[in-house]
């Protein structure tokens, strides 16, 4: 077991460096994510900026062990001459530095979408608060699955955000339709149902809500996901499921209607 006093033997300290003195290690050069860099730039706050972990090389440069995305984002926003806070650790060779990178990231807890949403509510972020207020009005509990599944539980955070961004009215309307169509079915707020009904309502805001409820209530709440699987051969990511799911809802809505009353199924054929 490592002696807890070993930290006294290590050269490890907080410091500040200009970005131009940092360099990317070989094992990170191909893992930089443009999406992550852009996300940091889009919502950057200094109080969220943890110190990147660096180690000085024989060349005098500082290799970034952890925090490369943050450094690249700041570089692109303000330039390489900007001085930033860092934490310096003395790791003499590449193997040691790579080992610290592995340990740092392997022990880091991944924050899930629900934890972020809950924190956003407490932070009074407008979107999260708006979603929570609508859910409360509609008696919907936003939480992930538990051993005791509740019929009014909804854990599809990304789909809730997507519907709210169409408009708060679309989200509330979707909750209402799913509640009426499948009042006692614990699957009614699954992502595919939210996506299908919500995108349908967003596309056809004048559609007859009572008709949607009636048509969906002829089937169990797992009906849409089953039909989507037949259309696509697989259910795929919920990020790309809205068109086939809305197509299923549209086909049901159109059954029994004359040509002049039907809504356009081709809108969801892409």
C-alpha atoms as a PDB file:
ATOM      1  CA  UNK A   1       0.000   0.000   0.000  1.00  0.00           C
ATOM      2  CA  UNK A   2       1.251   3.477  -0.839  1.00  0.00           C
ATOM      3  CA  UNK A   3       2.209   5.633   2.120  1.00  0.00           C
ATOM      4  CA  UNK A   4      -0.135   8.604   2.345  1.00  0.00           C
ATOM      5  CA  UNK A   5       2.867  10.851   3.014  1.00  0.00           C
ATOM      6  CA  UNK A   6       4.371  10.111  -0.425  1.00  0.00           C
ATOM      7  CA  UNK A   7       2.884  13.353  -1.687  1.00  0.00           C
ATOM      8  CA  UNK A   8       5.656  15.129   0.227  1.00  0.00           C
ATOM      9  CA  UNK A   9       8.211  13.572  -2.116  1.00  0.00           C
ATOM     10  CA  UNK A  10       6.417  14.620  -5.303  1.00  0.00           C
ATOM     11  CA  UNK A  11       6.992  17.836  -7.208  1.00  0.00           C
ATOM     12  CA  UNK A  12       3.387  18.878  -7.678  1.00  0.00           C
ATOM     13  CA  UNK A  13       2.096  22.428  -7.503  1.00  0.00           C
ATOM     14  CA  UNK A  14      -0.327  24.990  -8.913  1.00  0.00           C
ATOM     15  CA  UNK A  15       1.071  27.449 -11.400  1.00  0.00           C
ATOM     16  CA  UNK A  16       0.258  29.577 -14.448  1.00  0.00           C
ATOM     17  CA  UNK A  17       1.474  29.178 -18.026  1.00  0.00           C
ATOM     18  CA  UNK A  18       0.895  30.780 -21.417  1.00  0.00           C
ATOM     19  CA  UNK A  19      -0.903  28.324 -23.683  1.00  0.00           C
ATOM     20  CA  UNK A  20       1.939  28.562 -26.210  1.00  0.00           C
ATOM     21  CA  UNK A  21       4.198  26.666 -23.796  1.00  0.00           C
ATOM     22  CA  UNK A  22       1.913  23.592 -23.810  1.00  0.00           C
ATOM     23  CA  UNK A  23       1.966  20.646 -26.196  1.00  0.00           C
ATOM     24  CA  UNK A  24      -0.302  17.676 -26.938  1.00  0.00           C
ATOM     25  CA  UNK A  25       0.999  14.166 -26.118  1.00  0.00           C
ATOM     26  CA  UNK A  26       1.001  11.588 -28.895  1.00  0.00           C
ATOM     27  CA  UNK A  27      -1.685   9.425 -27.243  1.00  0.00           C
ATOM     28  CA  UNK A  28      -4.154  12.338 -27.217  1.00  0.00           C
ATOM     29  CA  UNK A  29      -3.621  13.825 -30.686  1.00  0.00           C
ATOM     30  CA  UNK A  30      -6.180  11.590 -32.392  1.00  0.00           C
ATOM     31  CA  UNK A  31      -8.766  11.692 -29.609  1.00  0.00           C
ATOM     32  CA  UNK A  32      -9.544  15.415 -29.634  1.00  0.00           C
ATOM     33  CA  UNK A  33     -13.255  15.917 -30.225  1.00  0.00           C
ATOM     34  CA  UNK A  34     -14.390  18.898 -32.260  1.00  0.00           C
ATOM     35  CA  UNK A  35     -17.834  18.537 -30.693  1.00  0.00           C
ATOM     36  CA  UNK A  36     -16.408  18.758 -27.170  1.00  0.00           C
ATOM     37  CA  UNK A  37     -14.243  21.778 -28.026  1.00  0.00           C
ATOM     38  CA  UNK A  38     -17.202  23.625 -29.569  1.00  0.00           C
ATOM     39  CA  UNK A  39     -19.403  22.785 -26.573  1.00  0.00           C
ATOM     40  CA  UNK A  40     -16.817  24.239 -24.173  1.00  0.00           C
ATOM     41  CA  UNK A  41     -16.561  27.392 -26.299  1.00  0.00           C
ATOM     42  CA  UNK A  42     -20.332  27.763 -26.469  1.00  0.00           C
ATOM     43  CA  UNK A  43     -20.807  27.762 -22.684  1.00  0.00           C
ATOM     44  CA  UNK A  44     -17.448  28.680 -21.153  1.00  0.00           C
ATOM     45  CA  UNK A  45     -17.209  30.008 -17.600  1.00  0.00           C
ATOM     46  CA  UNK A  46     -13.923  30.518 -15.756  1.00  0.00           C
ATOM     47  CA  UNK A  47     -15.442  29.207 -12.540  1.00  0.00           C
ATOM     48  CA  UNK A  48     -16.045  25.878 -14.337  1.00  0.00           C
ATOM     49  CA  UNK A  49     -12.492  25.753 -15.703  1.00  0.00           C
ATOM     50  CA  UNK A  50     -10.528  23.226 -13.673  1.00  0.00           C
ATOM     51  CA  UNK A  51      -6.744  23.495 -13.883  1.00  0.00           C
ATOM     52  CA  UNK A  52      -5.325  21.332 -16.694  1.00  0.00           C
ATOM     53  CA  UNK A  53      -2.747  18.817 -15.477  1.00  0.00           C
ATOM     54  CA  UNK A  54       0.677  19.265 -17.141  1.00  0.00           C
ATOM     55  CA  UNK A  55       4.224  17.945 -16.817  1.00  0.00           C
ATOM     56  CA  UNK A  56       7.388  19.685 -18.005  1.00  0.00           C
ATOM     57  CA  UNK A  57       9.447  18.007 -20.720  1.00  0.00           C
ATOM     58  CA  UNK A  58      13.206  18.205 -21.224  1.00  0.00           C
ATOM     59  CA  UNK A  59      12.533  20.648 -24.073  1.00  0.00           C
ATOM     60  CA  UNK A  60      11.010  23.079 -21.587  1.00  0.00           C
ATOM     61  CA  UNK A  61       7.505  22.639 -22.967  1.00  0.00           C
ATOM     62  CA  UNK A  62       4.668  21.407 -20.786  1.00  0.00           C
ATOM     63  CA  UNK A  63       2.861  18.290 -21.969  1.00  0.00           C
ATOM     64  CA  UNK A  64      -0.866  18.321 -21.206  1.00  0.00           C
ATOM     65  CA  UNK A  65      -1.763  15.155 -19.328  1.00  0.00           C
ATOM     66  CA  UNK A  66      -5.409  16.098 -18.815  1.00  0.00           C
ATOM     67  CA  UNK A  67      -7.408  19.109 -20.037  1.00  0.00           C
ATOM     68  CA  UNK A  68      -6.427  19.356 -23.680  1.00  0.00           C
ATOM     69  CA  UNK A  69      -9.983  20.139 -24.878  1.00  0.00           C
ATOM     70  CA  UNK A  70     -10.199  23.081 -22.475  1.00  0.00           C
ATOM     71  CA  UNK A  71      -6.828  24.419 -23.570  1.00  0.00           C
ATOM     72  CA  UNK A  72      -7.674  24.146 -27.271  1.00  0.00           C
ATOM     73  CA  UNK A  73     -11.035  25.866 -26.703  1.00  0.00           C
ATOM     74  CA  UNK A  74      -9.415  28.761 -24.823  1.00  0.00           C
ATOM     75  CA  UNK A  75      -6.645  28.996 -27.422  1.00  0.00           C
ATOM     76  CA  UNK A  76      -9.242  29.349 -30.188  1.00  0.00           C
ATOM     77  CA  UNK A  77     -11.166  31.985 -28.243  1.00  0.00           C
ATOM     78  CA  UNK A  78      -8.322  34.165 -26.920  1.00  0.00           C
ATOM     79  CA  UNK A  79      -5.030  33.036 -28.470  1.00  0.00           C
ATOM     80  CA  UNK A  80      -1.912  31.122 -27.455  1.00  0.00           C
ATOM     81  CA  UNK A  81      -0.349  33.972 -25.505  1.00  0.00           C
ATOM     82  CA  UNK A  82      -3.069  33.859 -22.855  1.00  0.00           C
ATOM     83  CA  UNK A  83      -1.797  32.758 -19.432  1.00  0.00           C
ATOM     84  CA  UNK A  84      -3.979  30.102 -17.781  1.00  0.00           C
ATOM     85  CA  UNK A  85      -3.953  28.312 -14.407  1.00  0.00           C
ATOM     86  CA  UNK A  86      -2.454  24.795 -14.467  1.00  0.00           C
ATOM     87  CA  UNK A  87      -1.391  22.088 -12.063  1.00  0.00           C
ATOM     88  CA  UNK A  88       2.160  20.845 -12.643  1.00  0.00           C
ATOM     89  CA  UNK A  89       3.235  17.309 -11.799  1.00  0.00           C
ATOM     90  CA  UNK A  90       6.727  15.893 -12.223  1.00  0.00           C
ATOM     91  CA  UNK A  91       6.493  12.841 -14.488  1.00  0.00           C
ATOM     92  CA  UNK A  92       9.832  12.092 -16.113  1.00  0.00           C
ATOM     93  CA  UNK A  93       8.834   9.763 -18.945  1.00  0.00           C
ATOM     94  CA  UNK A  94       5.976   9.188 -21.377  1.00  0.00           C
ATOM     95  CA  UNK A  95       4.877   5.944 -19.714  1.00  0.00           C
ATOM     96  CA  UNK A  96       4.372   7.702 -16.367  1.00  0.00           C
ATOM     97  CA  UNK A  97       2.511  10.607 -17.945  1.00  0.00           C
ATOM     98  CA  UNK A  98       0.251   8.274 -19.939  1.00  0.00           C
ATOM     99  CA  UNK A  99      -0.387   6.282 -16.756  1.00  0.00           C
ATOM    100  CA  UNK A 100      -1.540   9.431 -14.935  1.00  0.00           C
ATOM    101  CA  UNK A 101      -3.860  10.215 -17.856  1.00  0.00           C
ATOM    102  CA  UNK A 102      -5.392   6.730 -17.657  1.00  0.00           C
ATOM    103  CA  UNK A 103      -5.809   6.857 -13.879  1.00  0.00           C
ATOM    104  CA  UNK A 104      -7.290  10.366 -13.947  1.00  0.00           C
ATOM    105  CA  UNK A 105      -9.900   9.514 -16.561  1.00  0.00           C
ATOM    106  CA  UNK A 106     -10.591   5.942 -15.463  1.00  0.00           C
ATOM    107  CA  UNK A 107     -11.491   7.102 -11.947  1.00  0.00           C
ATOM    108  CA  UNK A 108     -13.558  10.050 -13.119  1.00  0.00           C
ATOM    109  CA  UNK A 109     -17.295   9.621 -12.606  1.00  0.00           C
ATOM    110  CA  UNK A 110     -19.344  10.135 -15.741  1.00  0.00           C
ATOM    111  CA  UNK A 111     -22.229  12.506 -15.085  1.00  0.00           C
ATOM    112  CA  UNK A 112     -25.477  11.267 -16.622  1.00  0.00           C
ATOM    113  CA  UNK A 113     -28.169  13.363 -18.281  1.00  0.00           C
ATOM    114  CA  UNK A 114     -30.531  13.145 -15.313  1.00  0.00           C
ATOM    115  CA  UNK A 115     -27.889  14.363 -12.856  1.00  0.00           C
ATOM    116  CA  UNK A 116     -27.156  17.332 -15.101  1.00  0.00           C
ATOM    117  CA  UNK A 117     -30.873  18.091 -15.483  1.00  0.00           C
ATOM    118  CA  UNK A 118     -31.438  17.970 -11.726  1.00  0.00           C
ATOM    119  CA  UNK A 119     -28.481  20.293 -11.139  1.00  0.00           C
ATOM    120  CA  UNK A 120     -29.778  22.673 -13.814  1.00  0.00           C
ATOM    121  CA  UNK A 121     -33.110  22.873 -11.981  1.00  0.00           C
ATOM    122  CA  UNK A 122     -31.334  23.853  -8.751  1.00  0.00           C
ATOM    123  CA  UNK A 123     -29.167  26.290 -10.729  1.00  0.00           C
ATOM    124  CA  UNK A 124     -32.406  27.840 -12.040  1.00  0.00           C
ATOM    125  CA  UNK A 125     -31.484  27.350 -15.696  1.00  0.00           C
ATOM    126  CA  UNK A 126     -34.533  28.461 -17.678  1.00  0.00           C
ATOM    127  CA  UNK A 127     -34.957  25.380 -19.888  1.00  0.00           C
ATOM    128  CA  UNK A 128     -34.677  22.825 -17.081  1.00  0.00           C
ATOM    129  CA  UNK A 129     -36.990  24.834 -14.817  1.00  0.00           C
ATOM    130  CA  UNK A 130     -39.531  25.164 -17.641  1.00  0.00           C
ATOM    131  CA  UNK A 131     -39.496  21.420 -18.331  1.00  0.00           C
ATOM    132  CA  UNK A 132     -39.839  20.633 -14.623  1.00  0.00           C
ATOM    133  CA  UNK A 133     -42.784  23.023 -14.225  1.00  0.00           C
ATOM    134  CA  UNK A 134     -44.635  21.414 -17.141  1.00  0.00           C
ATOM    135  CA  UNK A 135     -43.910  17.921 -15.819  1.00  0.00           C
ATOM    136  CA  UNK A 136     -45.214  18.891 -12.374  1.00  0.00           C
ATOM    137  CA  UNK A 137     -48.419  20.294 -13.858  1.00  0.00           C
ATOM    138  CA  UNK A 138     -48.961  17.089 -15.833  1.00  0.00           C
ATOM    139  CA  UNK A 139     -48.103  14.844 -12.844  1.00  0.00           C
ATOM    140  CA  UNK A 140     -45.026  13.426 -14.588  1.00  0.00           C
ATOM    141  CA  UNK A 141     -42.049  12.368 -12.475  1.00  0.00           C
ATOM    142  CA  UNK A 142     -38.714  12.985 -14.216  1.00  0.00           C
ATOM    143  CA  UNK A 143     -36.375  10.209 -13.099  1.00  0.00           C
ATOM    144  CA  UNK A 144     -34.610   7.146 -14.418  1.00  0.00           C
ATOM    145  CA  UNK A 145     -36.013   3.656 -14.054  1.00  0.00           C
ATOM    146  CA  UNK A 146     -35.993   2.048 -10.642  1.00  0.00           C
ATOM    147  CA  UNK A 147     -36.983  -1.386  -9.428  1.00  0.00           C
ATOM    148  CA  UNK A 148     -40.356   0.095  -8.532  1.00  0.00           C
ATOM    149  CA  UNK A 149     -41.448   1.451 -11.893  1.00  0.00           C
ATOM    150  CA  UNK A 150     -44.161   4.120 -11.747  1.00  0.00           C
ATOM    151  CA  UNK A 151     -46.621   4.659 -14.628  1.00  0.00           C
ATOM    152  CA  UNK A 152     -45.993   8.396 -14.584  1.00  0.00           C
ATOM    153  CA  UNK A 153     -42.188   8.161 -14.622  1.00  0.00           C
ATOM    154  CA  UNK A 154     -40.224   9.720 -17.509  1.00  0.00           C
ATOM    155  CA  UNK A 155     -36.463   9.377 -17.869  1.00  0.00           C
ATOM    156  CA  UNK A 156     -35.959  10.539 -21.457  1.00  0.00           C
ATOM    157  CA  UNK A 157     -34.188  13.809 -20.694  1.00  0.00           C
ATOM    158  CA  UNK A 158     -32.911  14.420 -24.227  1.00  0.00           C
ATOM    159  CA  UNK A 159     -36.365  13.981 -25.734  1.00  0.00           C
ATOM    160  CA  UNK A 160     -37.900  16.296 -23.139  1.00  0.00           C
ATOM    161  CA  UNK A 161     -35.354  18.934 -24.111  1.00  0.00           C
ATOM    162  CA  UNK A 162     -36.075  18.426 -27.825  1.00  0.00           C
ATOM    163  CA  UNK A 163     -39.826  18.855 -27.368  1.00  0.00           C
ATOM    164  CA  UNK A 164     -39.422  21.869 -25.108  1.00  0.00           C
ATOM    165  CA  UNK A 165     -37.224  23.476 -27.777  1.00  0.00           C
ATOM    166  CA  UNK A 166     -40.003  23.029 -30.333  1.00  0.00           C
ATOM    167  CA  UNK A 167     -42.100  24.939 -27.808  1.00  0.00           C
ATOM    168  CA  UNK A 168     -43.249  24.461 -24.196  1.00  0.00           C
ATOM    169  CA  UNK A 169     -46.761  23.934 -25.592  1.00  0.00           C
ATOM    170  CA  UNK A 170     -45.607  20.950 -27.661  1.00  0.00           C
ATOM    171  CA  UNK A 171     -44.097  19.295 -24.585  1.00  0.00           C
ATOM    172  CA  UNK A 172     -47.211  19.833 -22.473  1.00  0.00           C
ATOM    173  CA  UNK A 173     -49.499  18.714 -25.306  1.00  0.00           C
ATOM    174  CA  UNK A 174     -47.418  15.546 -25.790  1.00  0.00           C
ATOM    175  CA  UNK A 175     -47.617  14.694 -22.092  1.00  0.00           C
ATOM    176  CA  UNK A 176     -51.384  15.196 -22.226  1.00  0.00           C
ATOM    177  CA  UNK A 177     -51.912  12.929 -25.228  1.00  0.00           C
ATOM    178  CA  UNK A 178     -49.725  10.133 -23.843  1.00  0.00           C
ATOM    179  CA  UNK A 179     -51.477  10.379 -20.480  1.00  0.00           C
ATOM    180  CA  UNK A 180     -54.899  10.069 -22.119  1.00  0.00           C
ATOM    181  CA  UNK A 181     -53.966   7.328 -24.576  1.00  0.00           C
ATOM    182  CA  UNK A 182     -52.149   5.090 -22.071  1.00  0.00           C
ATOM    183  CA  UNK A 183     -53.050   6.281 -18.544  1.00  0.00           C
ATOM    184  CA  UNK A 184     -51.830   3.175 -16.720  1.00  0.00           C
ATOM    185  CA  UNK A 185     -48.987   2.012 -18.976  1.00  0.00           C
ATOM    186  CA  UNK A 186     -45.516   2.577 -17.517  1.00  0.00           C
ATOM    187  CA  UNK A 187     -44.019   2.634 -21.038  1.00  0.00           C
ATOM    188  CA  UNK A 188     -46.005   5.622 -22.254  1.00  0.00           C
ATOM    189  CA  UNK A 189     -43.210   8.175 -21.712  1.00  0.00           C
ATOM    190  CA  UNK A 190     -40.520   6.146 -23.457  1.00  0.00           C
ATOM    191  CA  UNK A 191     -38.267   8.221 -25.741  1.00  0.00           C
ATOM    192  CA  UNK A 192     -39.770   6.867 -28.963  1.00  0.00           C
ATOM    193  CA  UNK A 193     -43.316   7.796 -27.870  1.00  0.00           C
ATOM    194  CA  UNK A 194     -42.262  11.306 -26.866  1.00  0.00           C
ATOM    195  CA  UNK A 195     -40.363  11.749 -30.128  1.00  0.00           C
ATOM    196  CA  UNK A 196     -43.145  10.401 -32.342  1.00  0.00           C
ATOM    197  CA  UNK A 197     -46.075  12.259 -30.819  1.00  0.00           C
ATOM    198  CA  UNK A 198     -44.084  15.426 -30.136  1.00  0.00           C
ATOM    199  CA  UNK A 199     -42.643  15.722 -33.643  1.00  0.00           C
ATOM    200  CA  UNK A 200     -46.064  14.968 -35.133  1.00  0.00           C
ATOM    201  CA  UNK A 201     -47.619  17.776 -33.066  1.00  0.00           C
ATOM    202  CA  UNK A 202     -44.798  20.152 -33.939  1.00  0.00           C
ATOM    203  CA  UNK A 203     -45.252  19.413 -37.661  1.00  0.00           C
ATOM    204  CA  UNK A 204     -49.065  19.415 -37.652  1.00  0.00           C
ATOM    205  CA  UNK A 205     -50.118  21.812 -34.846  1.00  0.00           C
ATOM    206  CA  UNK A 206     -53.747  21.845 -36.047  1.00  0.00           C
ATOM    207  CA  UNK A 207     -54.169  18.058 -35.911  1.00  0.00           C
ATOM    208  CA  UNK A 208     -57.165  16.723 -33.965  1.00  0.00           C
ATOM    209  CA  UNK A 209     -55.812  15.779 -30.529  1.00  0.00           C
ATOM    210  CA  UNK A 210     -58.821  13.630 -29.681  1.00  0.00           C
ATOM    211  CA  UNK A 211     -58.240  11.598 -32.834  1.00  0.00           C
ATOM    212  CA  UNK A 212     -54.569  10.996 -31.939  1.00  0.00           C
ATOM    213  CA  UNK A 213     -55.572   9.785 -28.474  1.00  0.00           C
ATOM    214  CA  UNK A 214     -58.268   7.489 -29.861  1.00  0.00           C
ATOM    215  CA  UNK A 215     -55.967   5.939 -32.468  1.00  0.00           C
ATOM    216  CA  UNK A 216     -53.060   5.378 -30.069  1.00  0.00           C
ATOM    217  CA  UNK A 217     -55.296   3.934 -27.346  1.00  0.00           C
ATOM    218  CA  UNK A 218     -56.182   1.072 -29.706  1.00  0.00           C
ATOM    219  CA  UNK A 219     -52.640  -0.228 -29.128  1.00  0.00           C
ATOM    220  CA  UNK A 220     -50.342  -0.802 -26.134  1.00  0.00           C
ATOM    221  CA  UNK A 221     -47.688   1.835 -25.349  1.00  0.00           C
ATOM    222  CA  UNK A 222     -44.975  -0.328 -26.932  1.00  0.00           C
ATOM    223  CA  UNK A 223     -46.747  -0.105 -30.296  1.00  0.00           C
ATOM    224  CA  UNK A 224     -44.704   2.766 -31.756  1.00  0.00           C
ATOM    225  CA  UNK A 225     -41.308   1.270 -30.983  1.00  0.00           C
ATOM    226  CA  UNK A 226     -42.399  -2.043 -32.534  1.00  0.00           C
ATOM    227  CA  UNK A 227     -43.563  -0.337 -35.721  1.00  0.00           C
ATOM    228  CA  UNK A 228     -40.378   1.715 -35.924  1.00  0.00           C
ATOM    229  CA  UNK A 229     -38.364  -1.493 -35.742  1.00  0.00           C
ATOM    230  CA  UNK A 230     -40.321  -2.818 -38.724  1.00  0.00           C
ATOM    231  CA  UNK A 231     -39.742   0.381 -40.694  1.00  0.00           C
ATOM    232  CA  UNK A 232     -36.028   0.631 -40.004  1.00  0.00           C
ATOM    233  CA  UNK A 233     -35.073  -2.912 -39.117  1.00  0.00           C
ATOM    234  CA  UNK A 234     -33.745  -1.592 -35.808  1.00  0.00           C
ATOM    235  CA  UNK A 235     -34.648   1.158 -33.354  1.00  0.00           C
ATOM    236  CA  UNK A 236     -31.320   3.057 -33.565  1.00  0.00           C
ATOM    237  CA  UNK A 237     -30.465   6.107 -31.494  1.00  0.00           C
ATOM    238  CA  UNK A 238     -33.239   8.239 -30.034  1.00  0.00           C
ATOM    239  CA  UNK A 239     -31.468  11.182 -31.678  1.00  0.00           C
ATOM    240  CA  UNK A 240     -32.505   9.875 -35.120  1.00  0.00           C
ATOM    241  CA  UNK A 241     -35.789   8.231 -34.206  1.00  0.00           C
ATOM    242  CA  UNK A 242     -38.164  11.166 -34.554  1.00  0.00           C
ATOM    243  CA  UNK A 243     -38.960  10.769 -38.286  1.00  0.00           C
ATOM    244  CA  UNK A 244     -39.888   7.043 -38.231  1.00  0.00           C
ATOM    245  CA  UNK A 245     -41.704   7.439 -34.904  1.00  0.00           C
ATOM    246  CA  UNK A 246     -43.707  10.416 -36.199  1.00  0.00           C
ATOM    247  CA  UNK A 247     -44.448   8.453 -39.377  1.00  0.00           C
ATOM    248  CA  UNK A 248     -46.026   5.678 -37.276  1.00  0.00           C
ATOM    249  CA  UNK A 249     -48.213   8.238 -35.485  1.00  0.00           C
ATOM    250  CA  UNK A 250     -49.141   9.854 -38.808  1.00  0.00           C
ATOM    251  CA  UNK A 251     -50.170   6.559 -40.395  1.00  0.00           C
ATOM    252  CA  UNK A 252     -52.418   5.812 -37.444  1.00  0.00           C
ATOM    253  CA  UNK A 253     -53.903   9.296 -37.543  1.00  0.00           C
ATOM    254  CA  UNK A 254     -54.693   8.973 -41.277  1.00  0.00           C
ATOM    255  CA  UNK A 255     -56.463   5.613 -41.041  1.00  0.00           C
ATOM    256  CA  UNK A 256     -60.108   6.053 -42.038  1.00  0.00           C
ATOM    257  CA  UNK A 257     -59.704   9.634 -43.250  1.00  0.00           C
ATOM    258  CA  UNK A 258     -60.522  10.805 -46.764  1.00  0.00           C
ATOM    259  CA  UNK A 259     -57.804  12.180 -49.017  1.00  0.00           C
ATOM    260  CA  UNK A 260     -58.636  15.812 -48.189  1.00  0.00           C
ATOM    261  CA  UNK A 261     -58.411  15.277 -44.427  1.00  0.00           C
ATOM    262  CA  UNK A 262     -55.221  13.218 -44.316  1.00  0.00           C
ATOM    263  CA  UNK A 263     -51.945  14.810 -43.216  1.00  0.00           C
ATOM    264  CA  UNK A 264     -48.828  14.418 -45.353  1.00  0.00           C
ATOM    265  CA  UNK A 265     -46.919  11.247 -44.483  1.00  0.00           C
ATOM    266  CA  UNK A 266     -44.111  12.232 -46.862  1.00  0.00           C
ATOM    267  CA  UNK A 267     -42.938  14.817 -44.298  1.00  0.00           C
ATOM    268  CA  UNK A 268     -41.414  11.969 -42.303  1.00  0.00           C
ATOM    269  CA  UNK A 269     -40.092   9.772 -45.113  1.00  0.00           C
ATOM    270  CA  UNK A 270     -36.463  11.008 -45.042  1.00  0.00           C
END
